[in-house]
Amino acid sequence: MLRYEGTYHYTLTESRPREQTVSMLAGEPVDLGFTVGVLVGDEPKTLVWWTEDGVEFRLSSAELPVEEMVRIARSTEGETGK
């Protein structure tokens, strides 16, 4: 879990789940360019369940604009341990 503070505060969580579940989230699909995430919640907003090389990412923030969430999510492509 990484917490960032600055103009916007947000938390980026990375995990390596042993099992994968398939389910449908009630939320807004978000095109990340390399995969699709799901935006859920109002405050905080959470961009959830995109996986890159077996690492599951979750980005949460009460104040980060969706465009910035997408930019941060895109920056994780090909990266783990950011």
C-alpha atoms as a PDB file:
ATOM      1  CA  MET A   1       0.000   0.000   0.000  1.00  0.00           C
ATOM      2  CA  LEU A   2       1.430   3.337  -1.045  1.00  0.00           C
ATOM      3  CA  ARG A   3      -0.027   6.643   0.150  1.00  0.00           C
ATOM      4  CA  TYR A   4       0.703   9.834  -1.731  1.00  0.00           C
ATOM      5  CA  GLU A   5       0.232  13.371  -0.469  1.00  0.00           C
ATOM      6  CA  GLY A   6       0.551  16.582  -2.411  1.00  0.00           C
ATOM      7  CA  THR A   7      -1.923  18.529  -4.495  1.00  0.00           C
ATOM      8  CA  TYR A   8      -4.121  15.425  -4.215  1.00  0.00           C
ATOM      9  CA  HIS A   9      -4.017  12.640  -1.674  1.00  0.00           C
ATOM     10  CA  TYR A  10      -4.495   9.067  -2.868  1.00  0.00           C
ATOM     11  CA  THR A  11      -3.695   5.473  -2.025  1.00  0.00           C
ATOM     12  CA  LEU A  12      -2.385   2.927  -4.522  1.00  0.00           C
ATOM     13  CA  THR A  13      -2.651  -0.682  -3.396  1.00  0.00           C
ATOM     14  CA  GLU A  14      -0.864  -3.549  -5.133  1.00  0.00           C
ATOM     15  CA  SER A  15      -1.474  -7.187  -4.284  1.00  0.00           C
ATOM     16  CA  ARG A  16      -0.709 -10.603  -5.739  1.00  0.00           C
ATOM     17  CA  PRO A  17      -3.902 -12.583  -5.182  1.00  0.00           C
ATOM     18  CA  ARG A  18      -3.521 -16.353  -5.064  1.00  0.00           C
ATOM     19  CA  GLU A  19      -6.976 -16.823  -6.499  1.00  0.00           C
ATOM     20  CA  GLN A  20      -8.960 -14.799  -8.990  1.00  0.00           C
ATOM     21  CA  THR A  21     -12.689 -14.311  -8.622  1.00  0.00           C
ATOM     22  CA  VAL A  22     -14.934 -13.282 -11.446  1.00  0.00           C
ATOM     23  CA  SER A  23     -17.706 -10.898 -10.557  1.00  0.00           C
ATOM     24  CA  MET A  24     -19.544  -7.895 -11.893  1.00  0.00           C
ATOM     25  CA  LEU A  25     -19.058  -4.609 -10.068  1.00  0.00           C
ATOM     26  CA  ALA A  26     -21.695  -1.924 -10.129  1.00  0.00           C
ATOM     27  CA  GLY A  27     -19.703   1.046 -11.362  1.00  0.00           C
ATOM     28  CA  GLU A  28     -18.470   2.967 -14.371  1.00  0.00           C
ATOM     29  CA  PRO A  29     -16.076   1.193 -16.773  1.00  0.00           C
ATOM     30  CA  VAL A  30     -12.910   3.219 -17.412  1.00  0.00           C
ATOM     31  CA  ASP A  31     -10.677   2.609 -20.446  1.00  0.00           C
ATOM     32  CA  LEU A  32      -7.075   2.539 -19.248  1.00  0.00           C
ATOM     33  CA  GLY A  33      -5.661   1.888 -22.705  1.00  0.00           C
ATOM     34  CA  PHE A  34      -4.143  -1.478 -21.803  1.00  0.00           C
ATOM     35  CA  THR A  35      -7.135  -2.800 -19.815  1.00  0.00           C
ATOM     36  CA  VAL A  36     -10.457  -1.671 -18.359  1.00  0.00           C
ATOM     37  CA  GLY A  37     -10.914  -0.630 -14.745  1.00  0.00           C
ATOM     38  CA  VAL A  38     -14.115   0.031 -12.825  1.00  0.00           C
ATOM     39  CA  LEU A  39     -14.750   3.302 -10.999  1.00  0.00           C
ATOM     40  CA  VAL A  40     -16.900   2.838  -7.895  1.00  0.00           C
ATOM     41  CA  GLY A  41     -18.022   5.024  -5.012  1.00  0.00           C
ATOM     42  CA  ASP A  42     -18.360   8.746  -4.550  1.00  0.00           C
ATOM     43  CA  GLU A  43     -16.130   9.701  -1.629  1.00  0.00           C
ATOM     44  CA  PRO A  44     -13.685   8.160  -1.821  1.00  0.00           C
ATOM     45  CA  LYS A  45     -13.728   7.160  -5.459  1.00  0.00           C
ATOM     46  CA  THR A  46     -11.958   3.890  -6.134  1.00  0.00           C
ATOM     47  CA  LEU A  47     -10.632   2.597  -9.434  1.00  0.00           C
ATOM     48  CA  VAL A  48     -10.500  -1.159  -8.959  1.00  0.00           C
ATOM     49  CA  TRP A  49      -9.558  -4.516 -10.332  1.00  0.00           C
ATOM     50  CA  TRP A  50      -7.110  -4.099 -13.075  1.00  0.00           C
ATOM     51  CA  THR A  51      -4.306  -6.638 -13.197  1.00  0.00           C
ATOM     52  CA  GLU A  52      -0.863  -6.322 -14.760  1.00  0.00           C
ATOM     53  CA  ASP A  53       1.473  -9.361 -14.701  1.00  0.00           C
ATOM     54  CA  GLY A  54      -0.427 -10.954 -11.811  1.00  0.00           C
ATOM     55  CA  VAL A  55      -0.430  -7.782  -9.701  1.00  0.00           C
ATOM     56  CA  GLU A  56      -3.867  -6.421  -8.828  1.00  0.00           C
ATOM     57  CA  PHE A  57      -4.107  -2.625  -8.507  1.00  0.00           C
ATOM     58  CA  ARG A  58      -6.609  -0.456  -6.614  1.00  0.00           C
ATOM     59  CA  LEU A  59      -6.475   3.366  -6.556  1.00  0.00           C
ATOM     60  CA  SER A  60      -8.564   5.324  -4.017  1.00  0.00           C
ATOM     61  CA  SER A  61      -8.980   9.046  -3.386  1.00  0.00           C
ATOM     62  CA  ALA A  62     -11.619  11.421  -2.076  1.00  0.00           C
ATOM     63  CA  GLU A  63     -10.271  14.347  -4.108  1.00  0.00           C
ATOM     64  CA  LEU A  64      -8.386  13.059  -7.166  1.00  0.00           C
ATOM     65  CA  PRO A  65     -10.185  13.909 -10.445  1.00  0.00           C
ATOM     66  CA  VAL A  66     -11.048  10.900 -12.608  1.00  0.00           C
ATOM     67  CA  GLU A  67      -8.673  12.116 -15.351  1.00  0.00           C
ATOM     68  CA  GLU A  68      -5.782  12.040 -12.866  1.00  0.00           C
ATOM     69  CA  MET A  69      -6.839   8.599 -11.626  1.00  0.00           C
ATOM     70  CA  VAL A  70      -6.675   7.336 -15.212  1.00  0.00           C
ATOM     71  CA  ARG A  71      -3.254   8.960 -15.739  1.00  0.00           C
ATOM     72  CA  ILE A  72      -1.884   7.299 -12.590  1.00  0.00           C
ATOM     73  CA  ALA A  73      -3.435   3.943 -13.521  1.00  0.00           C
ATOM     74  CA  ARG A  74      -1.885   4.133 -16.993  1.00  0.00           C
ATOM     75  CA  SER A  75       1.516   4.830 -15.449  1.00  0.00           C
ATOM     76  CA  THR A  76       1.425   1.385 -13.791  1.00  0.00           C
ATOM     77  CA  GLU A  77       1.503  -0.469 -17.106  1.00  0.00           C
ATOM     78  CA  GLY A  78       4.566  -2.702 -17.067  1.00  0.00           C
ATOM     79  CA  GLU A  79       5.512  -1.535 -13.560  1.00  0.00           C
ATOM     80  CA  THR A  80       5.187  -3.194 -10.175  1.00  0.00           C
ATOM     81  CA  GLY A  81       6.399  -1.856  -6.857  1.00  0.00           C
ATOM     82  CA  LYS A  82       5.843   1.783  -7.795  1.00  0.00           C
END
